[in-house]
């Protein structure tokens, strides 16, 4: 093929745009294709909402009052502490869906069809991860509404709250590239789903998402405090104003400077795994 058809029906020759411009345009076209596909399968979005909502309700009412946060066992204090962890878990668990979607495209031969088109090499993967980011953002909005219903509030102002959600979405986007690499490396969507969840459970639970890290054994505490997931959770809590009075902030650098740590971790993950994913995409076969 000598031309690439755009979403609006225009025909653009491969050399008509600069390298970066063409890559952006191709990525947006692929992202639109994936968003349309998601809209036609609403049950995927609905089922994706059920799990985080269940976590919010169960953790809030089952563990609330049983876990002391800053010496306070009030259930409402734990809800404030908990929600940043639930938000972070939600955006990272979307990784499994991203990997499964790419594995499904590989299994059906769609990736080979994309690779035969005169389009930027990384556009297919970038478009897919951008579409997943939009879906994750919508999930996060619904989850925030549920959190408000159960009593969660922000206490540091709207700009900082928006910044907190932006860091969460950046982490989710970074992890979606890990899912992309997994999806390109396995043979079936089922394997991608399993592979995408196995490493996420220890990552999210050996962290400060659900309990303070200061009560963990020394080895696990060090892992939790240098965990990129923990850095984003801590940054979101600080930006939301959800760190209770008397909460002991660990001395580890990521916990002392969680916003910077979260940004650095997310950027490093994106750079590393996007590079590996695009390289794998070039050599992968259906």
C-alpha atoms as a PDB file:
ATOM      1  CA  UNK A   1       0.000   0.000   0.000  1.00  0.00           C
ATOM      2  CA  UNK A   2       1.305   3.473  -0.860  1.00  0.00           C
ATOM      3  CA  UNK A   3      -1.173   5.481   1.163  1.00  0.00           C
ATOM      4  CA  UNK A   4      -2.551   5.531   4.687  1.00  0.00           C
ATOM      5  CA  UNK A   5      -6.238   6.330   5.182  1.00  0.00           C
ATOM      6  CA  UNK A   6      -6.988   8.667   8.090  1.00  0.00           C
ATOM      7  CA  UNK A   7      -9.936   8.514  10.460  1.00  0.00           C
ATOM      8  CA  UNK A   8     -11.692  11.327   8.562  1.00  0.00           C
ATOM      9  CA  UNK A   9     -11.351   9.640   5.197  1.00  0.00           C
ATOM     10  CA  UNK A  10      -8.375  11.677   3.981  1.00  0.00           C
ATOM     11  CA  UNK A  11      -5.486   9.998   2.193  1.00  0.00           C
ATOM     12  CA  UNK A  12      -1.974  10.942   3.210  1.00  0.00           C
ATOM     13  CA  UNK A  13       1.212   9.743   1.617  1.00  0.00           C
ATOM     14  CA  UNK A  14       3.754   8.310   4.060  1.00  0.00           C
ATOM     15  CA  UNK A  15       6.249  11.075   3.365  1.00  0.00           C
ATOM     16  CA  UNK A  16       3.727  13.896   3.644  1.00  0.00           C
ATOM     17  CA  UNK A  17       4.316  14.279   7.365  1.00  0.00           C
ATOM     18  CA  UNK A  18       7.502  14.565   9.353  1.00  0.00           C
ATOM     19  CA  UNK A  19       8.655  11.578  11.368  1.00  0.00           C
ATOM     20  CA  UNK A  20       7.279  12.836  14.667  1.00  0.00           C
ATOM     21  CA  UNK A  21       4.141  14.292  13.083  1.00  0.00           C
ATOM     22  CA  UNK A  22       3.334  11.063  11.285  1.00  0.00           C
ATOM     23  CA  UNK A  23       3.959   9.031  14.419  1.00  0.00           C
ATOM     24  CA  UNK A  24       1.559  11.217  16.422  1.00  0.00           C
ATOM     25  CA  UNK A  25      -1.099  11.097  13.705  1.00  0.00           C
ATOM     26  CA  UNK A  26      -0.839   7.325  13.245  1.00  0.00           C
ATOM     27  CA  UNK A  27      -0.977   6.786  17.008  1.00  0.00           C
ATOM     28  CA  UNK A  28      -4.145   8.865  17.293  1.00  0.00           C
ATOM     29  CA  UNK A  29      -5.780   6.948  14.433  1.00  0.00           C
ATOM     30  CA  UNK A  30      -5.015   3.630  16.148  1.00  0.00           C
ATOM     31  CA  UNK A  31      -6.181   5.031  19.505  1.00  0.00           C
ATOM     32  CA  UNK A  32      -9.493   6.064  17.919  1.00  0.00           C
ATOM     33  CA  UNK A  33      -9.897   2.579  16.458  1.00  0.00           C
ATOM     34  CA  UNK A  34      -9.387   1.017  19.887  1.00  0.00           C
ATOM     35  CA  UNK A  35     -11.757   3.453  21.605  1.00  0.00           C
ATOM     36  CA  UNK A  36     -14.482   2.673  19.054  1.00  0.00           C
ATOM     37  CA  UNK A  37     -13.879  -1.020  19.664  1.00  0.00           C
ATOM     38  CA  UNK A  38     -14.169  -0.531  23.435  1.00  0.00           C
ATOM     39  CA  UNK A  39     -17.408   1.421  23.004  1.00  0.00           C
ATOM     40  CA  UNK A  40     -18.890  -1.485  21.071  1.00  0.00           C
ATOM     41  CA  UNK A  41     -18.067  -3.900  23.912  1.00  0.00           C
ATOM     42  CA  UNK A  42     -19.388  -1.978  26.970  1.00  0.00           C
ATOM     43  CA  UNK A  43     -19.383  -5.060  29.185  1.00  0.00           C
ATOM     44  CA  UNK A  44     -15.567  -4.915  29.245  1.00  0.00           C
ATOM     45  CA  UNK A  45     -15.719  -1.419  30.740  1.00  0.00           C
ATOM     46  CA  UNK A  46     -18.525  -2.378  33.129  1.00  0.00           C
ATOM     47  CA  UNK A  47     -16.738  -5.464  34.439  1.00  0.00           C
ATOM     48  CA  UNK A  48     -13.569  -3.379  34.764  1.00  0.00           C
ATOM     49  CA  UNK A  49     -15.454  -1.075  37.132  1.00  0.00           C
ATOM     50  CA  UNK A  50     -16.887  -3.792  39.356  1.00  0.00           C
ATOM     51  CA  UNK A  51     -13.594  -4.980  40.874  1.00  0.00           C
ATOM     52  CA  UNK A  52     -12.289  -1.577  42.089  1.00  0.00           C
ATOM     53  CA  UNK A  53     -15.725  -0.673  43.455  1.00  0.00           C
ATOM     54  CA  UNK A  54     -15.761  -3.949  45.384  1.00  0.00           C
ATOM     55  CA  UNK A  55     -12.295  -3.187  46.761  1.00  0.00           C
ATOM     56  CA  UNK A  56     -13.444   0.251  47.923  1.00  0.00           C
ATOM     57  CA  UNK A  57     -16.499  -1.100  49.728  1.00  0.00           C
ATOM     58  CA  UNK A  58     -14.839  -4.198  51.199  1.00  0.00           C
ATOM     59  CA  UNK A  59     -11.647  -2.528  52.401  1.00  0.00           C
ATOM     60  CA  UNK A  60     -13.536   0.500  53.749  1.00  0.00           C
ATOM     61  CA  UNK A  61     -16.070  -1.430  55.797  1.00  0.00           C
ATOM     62  CA  UNK A  62     -14.259  -4.706  56.531  1.00  0.00           C
ATOM     63  CA  UNK A  63     -10.805  -3.371  57.452  1.00  0.00           C
ATOM     64  CA  UNK A  64     -11.865   0.116  58.552  1.00  0.00           C
ATOM     65  CA  UNK A  65     -11.464   0.301  62.321  1.00  0.00           C
ATOM     66  CA  UNK A  66      -9.119  -2.701  62.411  1.00  0.00           C
ATOM     67  CA  UNK A  67      -6.029  -0.917  61.078  1.00  0.00           C
ATOM     68  CA  UNK A  68      -4.449   1.998  62.923  1.00  0.00           C
ATOM     69  CA  UNK A  69      -3.254   4.895  60.781  1.00  0.00           C
ATOM     70  CA  UNK A  70      -1.088   7.358  62.663  1.00  0.00           C
ATOM     71  CA  UNK A  71      -2.344   5.838  65.905  1.00  0.00           C
ATOM     72  CA  UNK A  72      -5.961   6.431  64.886  1.00  0.00           C
ATOM     73  CA  UNK A  73      -8.326   3.451  64.491  1.00  0.00           C
ATOM     74  CA  UNK A  74     -11.297   5.540  63.363  1.00  0.00           C
ATOM     75  CA  UNK A  75     -12.794   3.887  60.220  1.00  0.00           C
ATOM     76  CA  UNK A  76     -13.116   7.270  58.512  1.00  0.00           C
ATOM     77  CA  UNK A  77      -9.359   7.888  58.962  1.00  0.00           C
ATOM     78  CA  UNK A  78      -8.591   4.582  57.267  1.00  0.00           C
ATOM     79  CA  UNK A  79     -10.883   5.447  54.334  1.00  0.00           C
ATOM     80  CA  UNK A  80      -8.924   8.650  53.753  1.00  0.00           C
ATOM     81  CA  UNK A  81      -5.677   6.672  53.909  1.00  0.00           C
ATOM     82  CA  UNK A  82      -6.962   3.825  51.753  1.00  0.00           C
ATOM     83  CA  UNK A  83      -8.315   5.573  48.684  1.00  0.00           C
ATOM     84  CA  UNK A  84      -4.998   6.602  47.121  1.00  0.00           C
ATOM     85  CA  UNK A  85      -3.966   2.940  47.270  1.00  0.00           C
ATOM     86  CA  UNK A  86      -7.206   1.780  45.647  1.00  0.00           C
ATOM     87  CA  UNK A  87      -6.845   4.400  42.907  1.00  0.00           C
ATOM     88  CA  UNK A  88      -3.265   3.292  42.222  1.00  0.00           C
ATOM     89  CA  UNK A  89      -4.221  -0.387  42.227  1.00  0.00           C
ATOM     90  CA  UNK A  90      -6.987   0.316  39.719  1.00  0.00           C
ATOM     91  CA  UNK A  91      -4.757   2.099  37.211  1.00  0.00           C
ATOM     92  CA  UNK A  92      -2.055  -0.554  37.442  1.00  0.00           C
ATOM     93  CA  UNK A  93      -4.412  -3.527  37.155  1.00  0.00           C
ATOM     94  CA  UNK A  94      -5.477  -2.121  33.776  1.00  0.00           C
ATOM     95  CA  UNK A  95      -2.078  -3.416  32.626  1.00  0.00           C
ATOM     96  CA  UNK A  96      -3.505  -6.930  32.300  1.00  0.00           C
ATOM     97  CA  UNK A  97      -6.229  -5.696  29.945  1.00  0.00           C
ATOM     98  CA  UNK A  98      -3.704  -3.860  27.781  1.00  0.00           C
ATOM     99  CA  UNK A  99      -1.563  -6.975  27.442  1.00  0.00           C
ATOM    100  CA  UNK A 100      -4.570  -9.172  26.686  1.00  0.00           C
ATOM    101  CA  UNK A 101      -5.787  -6.761  23.986  1.00  0.00           C
ATOM    102  CA  UNK A 102      -2.440  -6.718  22.214  1.00  0.00           C
ATOM    103  CA  UNK A 103      -2.106 -10.502  22.512  1.00  0.00           C
ATOM    104  CA  UNK A 104      -5.574 -10.859  20.986  1.00  0.00           C
ATOM    105  CA  UNK A 105      -4.590  -8.644  18.049  1.00  0.00           C
ATOM    106  CA  UNK A 106      -1.446 -10.738  17.619  1.00  0.00           C
ATOM    107  CA  UNK A 107      -3.425 -13.979  17.756  1.00  0.00           C
ATOM    108  CA  UNK A 108      -5.865 -12.772  15.078  1.00  0.00           C
ATOM    109  CA  UNK A 109      -3.116 -11.550  12.773  1.00  0.00           C
ATOM    110  CA  UNK A 110      -4.136  -7.916  13.070  1.00  0.00           C
ATOM    111  CA  UNK A 111      -0.662  -6.846  14.138  1.00  0.00           C
ATOM    112  CA  UNK A 112       0.791  -8.294  10.937  1.00  0.00           C
ATOM    113  CA  UNK A 113      -1.744  -6.303   8.918  1.00  0.00           C
ATOM    114  CA  UNK A 114      -0.769  -3.128  10.740  1.00  0.00           C
ATOM    115  CA  UNK A 115       2.911  -3.825  10.133  1.00  0.00           C
ATOM    116  CA  UNK A 116       2.247  -4.067   6.387  1.00  0.00           C
ATOM    117  CA  UNK A 117       0.927  -0.487   6.327  1.00  0.00           C
ATOM    118  CA  UNK A 118       3.140   2.566   5.746  1.00  0.00           C
ATOM    119  CA  UNK A 119       2.816   3.797   9.305  1.00  0.00           C
ATOM    120  CA  UNK A 120       5.140   4.625  12.182  1.00  0.00           C
ATOM    121  CA  UNK A 121       6.438   1.451  13.820  1.00  0.00           C
ATOM    122  CA  UNK A 122       5.461   2.380  17.350  1.00  0.00           C
ATOM    123  CA  UNK A 123       2.051   3.817  16.443  1.00  0.00           C
ATOM    124  CA  UNK A 124       0.114   0.588  16.990  1.00  0.00           C
ATOM    125  CA  UNK A 125       1.409   0.192  20.519  1.00  0.00           C
ATOM    126  CA  UNK A 126       1.214   3.898  21.367  1.00  0.00           C
ATOM    127  CA  UNK A 127      -2.351   4.072  20.073  1.00  0.00           C
ATOM    128  CA  UNK A 128      -3.331   1.051  22.127  1.00  0.00           C
ATOM    129  CA  UNK A 129      -1.786   2.422  25.331  1.00  0.00           C
ATOM    130  CA  UNK A 130      -3.428   5.834  24.787  1.00  0.00           C
ATOM    131  CA  UNK A 131      -6.832   4.189  24.357  1.00  0.00           C
ATOM    132  CA  UNK A 132      -6.261   2.209  27.547  1.00  0.00           C
ATOM    133  CA  UNK A 133      -5.321   5.458  29.289  1.00  0.00           C
ATOM    134  CA  UNK A 134      -8.673   7.008  28.307  1.00  0.00           C
ATOM    135  CA  UNK A 135     -10.542   3.965  29.612  1.00  0.00           C
ATOM    136  CA  UNK A 136      -8.538   4.061  32.845  1.00  0.00           C
ATOM    137  CA  UNK A 137      -9.338   7.761  33.289  1.00  0.00           C
ATOM    138  CA  UNK A 138     -13.060   7.057  32.953  1.00  0.00           C
ATOM    139  CA  UNK A 139     -12.773   4.239  35.479  1.00  0.00           C
ATOM    140  CA  UNK A 140     -10.943   6.559  37.849  1.00  0.00           C
ATOM    141  CA  UNK A 141     -13.721   9.164  37.592  1.00  0.00           C
ATOM    142  CA  UNK A 142     -16.386   6.595  38.504  1.00  0.00           C
ATOM    143  CA  UNK A 143     -14.236   5.239  41.316  1.00  0.00           C
ATOM    144  CA  UNK A 144     -13.710   8.736  42.729  1.00  0.00           C
ATOM    145  CA  UNK A 145     -17.491   9.243  42.831  1.00  0.00           C
ATOM    146  CA  UNK A 146     -17.884   5.957  44.745  1.00  0.00           C
ATOM    147  CA  UNK A 147     -15.100   7.033  47.112  1.00  0.00           C
ATOM    148  CA  UNK A 148     -16.876  10.311  47.850  1.00  0.00           C
ATOM    149  CA  UNK A 149     -20.066   8.355  48.576  1.00  0.00           C
ATOM    150  CA  UNK A 150     -18.284   6.200  51.200  1.00  0.00           C
ATOM    151  CA  UNK A 151     -16.781   9.285  52.855  1.00  0.00           C
ATOM    152  CA  UNK A 152     -13.471  10.050  51.112  1.00  0.00           C
ATOM    153  CA  UNK A 153     -12.518  13.709  50.650  1.00  0.00           C
ATOM    154  CA  UNK A 154      -9.560  15.746  49.438  1.00  0.00           C
ATOM    155  CA  UNK A 155      -8.187  18.437  51.751  1.00  0.00           C
ATOM    156  CA  UNK A 156      -5.451  20.232  49.801  1.00  0.00           C
ATOM    157  CA  UNK A 157      -7.389  22.088  47.110  1.00  0.00           C
ATOM    158  CA  UNK A 158      -8.507  21.270  43.578  1.00  0.00           C
ATOM    159  CA  UNK A 159      -5.166  21.946  41.766  1.00  0.00           C
ATOM    160  CA  UNK A 160      -3.287  19.505  43.996  1.00  0.00           C
ATOM    161  CA  UNK A 161      -6.085  16.929  43.712  1.00  0.00           C
ATOM    162  CA  UNK A 162      -5.886  17.160  39.905  1.00  0.00           C
ATOM    163  CA  UNK A 163      -2.106  16.757  40.125  1.00  0.00           C
ATOM    164  CA  UNK A 164      -2.597  13.647  42.262  1.00  0.00           C
ATOM    165  CA  UNK A 165      -4.894  12.056  39.695  1.00  0.00           C
ATOM    166  CA  UNK A 166      -2.449  13.028  36.935  1.00  0.00           C
ATOM    167  CA  UNK A 167       0.357  11.156  38.708  1.00  0.00           C
ATOM    168  CA  UNK A 168      -1.893   8.116  39.074  1.00  0.00           C
ATOM    169  CA  UNK A 169      -2.724   8.154  35.357  1.00  0.00           C
ATOM    170  CA  UNK A 170       0.946   8.589  34.470  1.00  0.00           C
ATOM    171  CA  UNK A 171       1.778   5.486  36.510  1.00  0.00           C
ATOM    172  CA  UNK A 172      -1.044   3.599  34.801  1.00  0.00           C
ATOM    173  CA  UNK A 173       0.255   4.663  31.385  1.00  0.00           C
ATOM    174  CA  UNK A 174       3.778   3.576  32.328  1.00  0.00           C
ATOM    175  CA  UNK A 175       2.574   0.167  33.456  1.00  0.00           C
ATOM    176  CA  UNK A 176       0.513  -0.245  30.271  1.00  0.00           C
ATOM    177  CA  UNK A 177       3.834  -0.454  28.397  1.00  0.00           C
ATOM    178  CA  UNK A 178       4.796  -3.393  30.611  1.00  0.00           C
ATOM    179  CA  UNK A 179       1.472  -4.948  29.622  1.00  0.00           C
ATOM    180  CA  UNK A 180       2.241  -4.251  25.953  1.00  0.00           C
ATOM    181  CA  UNK A 181       5.542  -6.112  26.215  1.00  0.00           C
ATOM    182  CA  UNK A 182       3.832  -9.054  27.923  1.00  0.00           C
ATOM    183  CA  UNK A 183       1.109  -9.105  25.243  1.00  0.00           C
ATOM    184  CA  UNK A 184       3.733  -9.234  22.489  1.00  0.00           C
ATOM    185  CA  UNK A 185       5.678 -11.997  24.251  1.00  0.00           C
ATOM    186  CA  UNK A 186       2.924 -14.594  24.790  1.00  0.00           C
ATOM    187  CA  UNK A 187       0.811 -16.636  22.411  1.00  0.00           C
ATOM    188  CA  UNK A 188      -2.723 -16.175  23.738  1.00  0.00           C
ATOM    189  CA  UNK A 189      -4.808 -13.451  25.433  1.00  0.00           C
ATOM    190  CA  UNK A 190      -5.383 -15.807  28.381  1.00  0.00           C
ATOM    191  CA  UNK A 191      -1.640 -16.078  28.955  1.00  0.00           C
ATOM    192  CA  UNK A 192      -1.310 -12.290  28.721  1.00  0.00           C
ATOM    193  CA  UNK A 193      -4.017 -11.819  31.357  1.00  0.00           C
ATOM    194  CA  UNK A 194      -2.373 -14.302  33.731  1.00  0.00           C
ATOM    195  CA  UNK A 195       1.103 -12.921  33.082  1.00  0.00           C
ATOM    196  CA  UNK A 196      -0.148  -9.395  33.600  1.00  0.00           C
ATOM    197  CA  UNK A 197      -1.576 -10.156  37.046  1.00  0.00           C
ATOM    198  CA  UNK A 198       1.061 -12.453  38.561  1.00  0.00           C
ATOM    199  CA  UNK A 199       3.642  -9.713  39.116  1.00  0.00           C
ATOM    200  CA  UNK A 200       1.058  -7.036  39.982  1.00  0.00           C
ATOM    201  CA  UNK A 201      -0.170  -8.715  43.168  1.00  0.00           C
ATOM    202  CA  UNK A 202       3.184  -8.657  45.020  1.00  0.00           C
ATOM    203  CA  UNK A 203       3.916  -5.194  43.641  1.00  0.00           C
ATOM    204  CA  UNK A 204       0.679  -3.729  45.003  1.00  0.00           C
ATOM    205  CA  UNK A 205       0.509  -5.617  48.286  1.00  0.00           C
ATOM    206  CA  UNK A 206       4.179  -5.196  49.265  1.00  0.00           C
ATOM    207  CA  UNK A 207       3.602  -1.468  49.383  1.00  0.00           C
ATOM    208  CA  UNK A 208       2.041   1.244  51.500  1.00  0.00           C
ATOM    209  CA  UNK A 209      -1.262   1.050  49.599  1.00  0.00           C
ATOM    210  CA  UNK A 210      -3.349  -0.711  52.252  1.00  0.00           C
ATOM    211  CA  UNK A 211      -1.290  -0.605  55.440  1.00  0.00           C
ATOM    212  CA  UNK A 212       1.535   1.641  56.695  1.00  0.00           C
ATOM    213  CA  UNK A 213       4.925   0.191  55.801  1.00  0.00           C
ATOM    214  CA  UNK A 214       6.458   0.851  59.242  1.00  0.00           C
ATOM    215  CA  UNK A 215       4.870  -2.334  60.660  1.00  0.00           C
ATOM    216  CA  UNK A 216       6.403  -4.601  58.009  1.00  0.00           C
ATOM    217  CA  UNK A 217       9.520  -6.746  58.533  1.00  0.00           C
ATOM    218  CA  UNK A 218      12.709  -4.868  57.612  1.00  0.00           C
ATOM    219  CA  UNK A 219      13.226  -6.521  54.213  1.00  0.00           C
ATOM    220  CA  UNK A 220       9.634  -6.043  53.083  1.00  0.00           C
ATOM    221  CA  UNK A 221       9.607  -2.493  54.447  1.00  0.00           C
ATOM    222  CA  UNK A 222      12.636  -1.537  52.344  1.00  0.00           C
ATOM    223  CA  UNK A 223      11.038  -3.081  49.265  1.00  0.00           C
ATOM    224  CA  UNK A 224       7.781  -1.262  49.943  1.00  0.00           C
ATOM    225  CA  UNK A 225       9.438   2.107  50.478  1.00  0.00           C
ATOM    226  CA  UNK A 226      11.411   1.903  47.196  1.00  0.00           C
ATOM    227  CA  UNK A 227       8.516   0.448  45.253  1.00  0.00           C
ATOM    228  CA  UNK A 228       7.427   2.795  42.391  1.00  0.00           C
ATOM    229  CA  UNK A 229       3.838   1.922  43.237  1.00  0.00           C
ATOM    230  CA  UNK A 230       4.355   3.097  46.844  1.00  0.00           C
ATOM    231  CA  UNK A 231       5.907   6.364  45.660  1.00  0.00           C
ATOM    232  CA  UNK A 232       2.824   7.199  43.609  1.00  0.00           C
ATOM    233  CA  UNK A 233       0.471   6.218  46.434  1.00  0.00           C
ATOM    234  CA  UNK A 234       2.406   8.411  48.868  1.00  0.00           C
ATOM    235  CA  UNK A 235       2.461  11.304  46.376  1.00  0.00           C
ATOM    236  CA  UNK A 236      -1.298  11.019  45.806  1.00  0.00           C
ATOM    237  CA  UNK A 237      -1.972  10.975  49.549  1.00  0.00           C
ATOM    238  CA  UNK A 238       0.108  14.097  50.014  1.00  0.00           C
ATOM    239  CA  UNK A 239      -1.541  15.905  47.105  1.00  0.00           C
ATOM    240  CA  UNK A 240      -5.011  14.840  48.245  1.00  0.00           C
ATOM    241  CA  UNK A 241      -4.251  15.912  51.813  1.00  0.00           C
ATOM    242  CA  UNK A 242      -4.989  12.396  53.067  1.00  0.00           C
ATOM    243  CA  UNK A 243      -1.938  11.888  55.304  1.00  0.00           C
ATOM    244  CA  UNK A 244      -3.360  11.928  58.842  1.00  0.00           C
ATOM    245  CA  UNK A 245      -1.838  13.855  61.716  1.00  0.00           C
ATOM    246  CA  UNK A 246       0.830  11.822  63.449  1.00  0.00           C
ATOM    247  CA  UNK A 247       1.449   9.580  60.428  1.00  0.00           C
ATOM    248  CA  UNK A 248       5.155   8.598  60.486  1.00  0.00           C
ATOM    249  CA  UNK A 249       6.744   9.335  57.118  1.00  0.00           C
ATOM    250  CA  UNK A 250       9.529   6.805  56.407  1.00  0.00           C
ATOM    251  CA  UNK A 251      13.071   8.128  55.977  1.00  0.00           C
ATOM    252  CA  UNK A 252      13.567   6.519  52.533  1.00  0.00           C
ATOM    253  CA  UNK A 253      14.093   9.146  49.809  1.00  0.00           C
ATOM    254  CA  UNK A 254      11.017   8.132  47.727  1.00  0.00           C
ATOM    255  CA  UNK A 255       8.798   8.561  50.774  1.00  0.00           C
ATOM    256  CA  UNK A 256      10.331  11.921  51.655  1.00  0.00           C
ATOM    257  CA  UNK A 257      10.002  13.193  48.064  1.00  0.00           C
ATOM    258  CA  UNK A 258       7.146  11.089  46.679  1.00  0.00           C
ATOM    259  CA  UNK A 259       6.064  13.436  43.871  1.00  0.00           C
ATOM    260  CA  UNK A 260       9.528  13.533  42.336  1.00  0.00           C
ATOM    261  CA  UNK A 261      10.019   9.804  42.946  1.00  0.00           C
ATOM    262  CA  UNK A 262       6.727   9.014  41.242  1.00  0.00           C
ATOM    263  CA  UNK A 263       7.586  11.157  38.212  1.00  0.00           C
ATOM    264  CA  UNK A 264      11.065   9.665  37.888  1.00  0.00           C
ATOM    265  CA  UNK A 265       9.861   6.076  38.233  1.00  0.00           C
ATOM    266  CA  UNK A 266       7.035   6.548  35.715  1.00  0.00           C
ATOM    267  CA  UNK A 267       9.248   8.220  33.098  1.00  0.00           C
ATOM    268  CA  UNK A 268      11.941   5.550  33.471  1.00  0.00           C
ATOM    269  CA  UNK A 269       9.380   2.759  33.076  1.00  0.00           C
ATOM    270  CA  UNK A 270       7.868   4.396  29.976  1.00  0.00           C
ATOM    271  CA  UNK A 271      11.257   4.919  28.313  1.00  0.00           C
ATOM    272  CA  UNK A 272      12.538   1.423  29.119  1.00  0.00           C
ATOM    273  CA  UNK A 273       9.438  -0.609  28.299  1.00  0.00           C
ATOM    274  CA  UNK A 274       8.373   1.426  25.270  1.00  0.00           C
ATOM    275  CA  UNK A 275      11.815   0.791  23.789  1.00  0.00           C
ATOM    276  CA  UNK A 276      11.595  -2.932  24.534  1.00  0.00           C
ATOM    277  CA  UNK A 277       7.995  -3.160  23.281  1.00  0.00           C
ATOM    278  CA  UNK A 278       8.704  -1.430  19.958  1.00  0.00           C
ATOM    279  CA  UNK A 279      11.752  -3.643  19.454  1.00  0.00           C
ATOM    280  CA  UNK A 280       9.643  -6.735  20.178  1.00  0.00           C
ATOM    281  CA  UNK A 281       6.909  -5.460  17.866  1.00  0.00           C
ATOM    282  CA  UNK A 282       9.344  -5.230  14.978  1.00  0.00           C
ATOM    283  CA  UNK A 283      10.306  -8.887  15.267  1.00  0.00           C
ATOM    284  CA  UNK A 284       7.076 -10.454  16.548  1.00  0.00           C
ATOM    285  CA  UNK A 285       5.026 -12.765  14.358  1.00  0.00           C
ATOM    286  CA  UNK A 286       1.434 -13.797  14.807  1.00  0.00           C
END
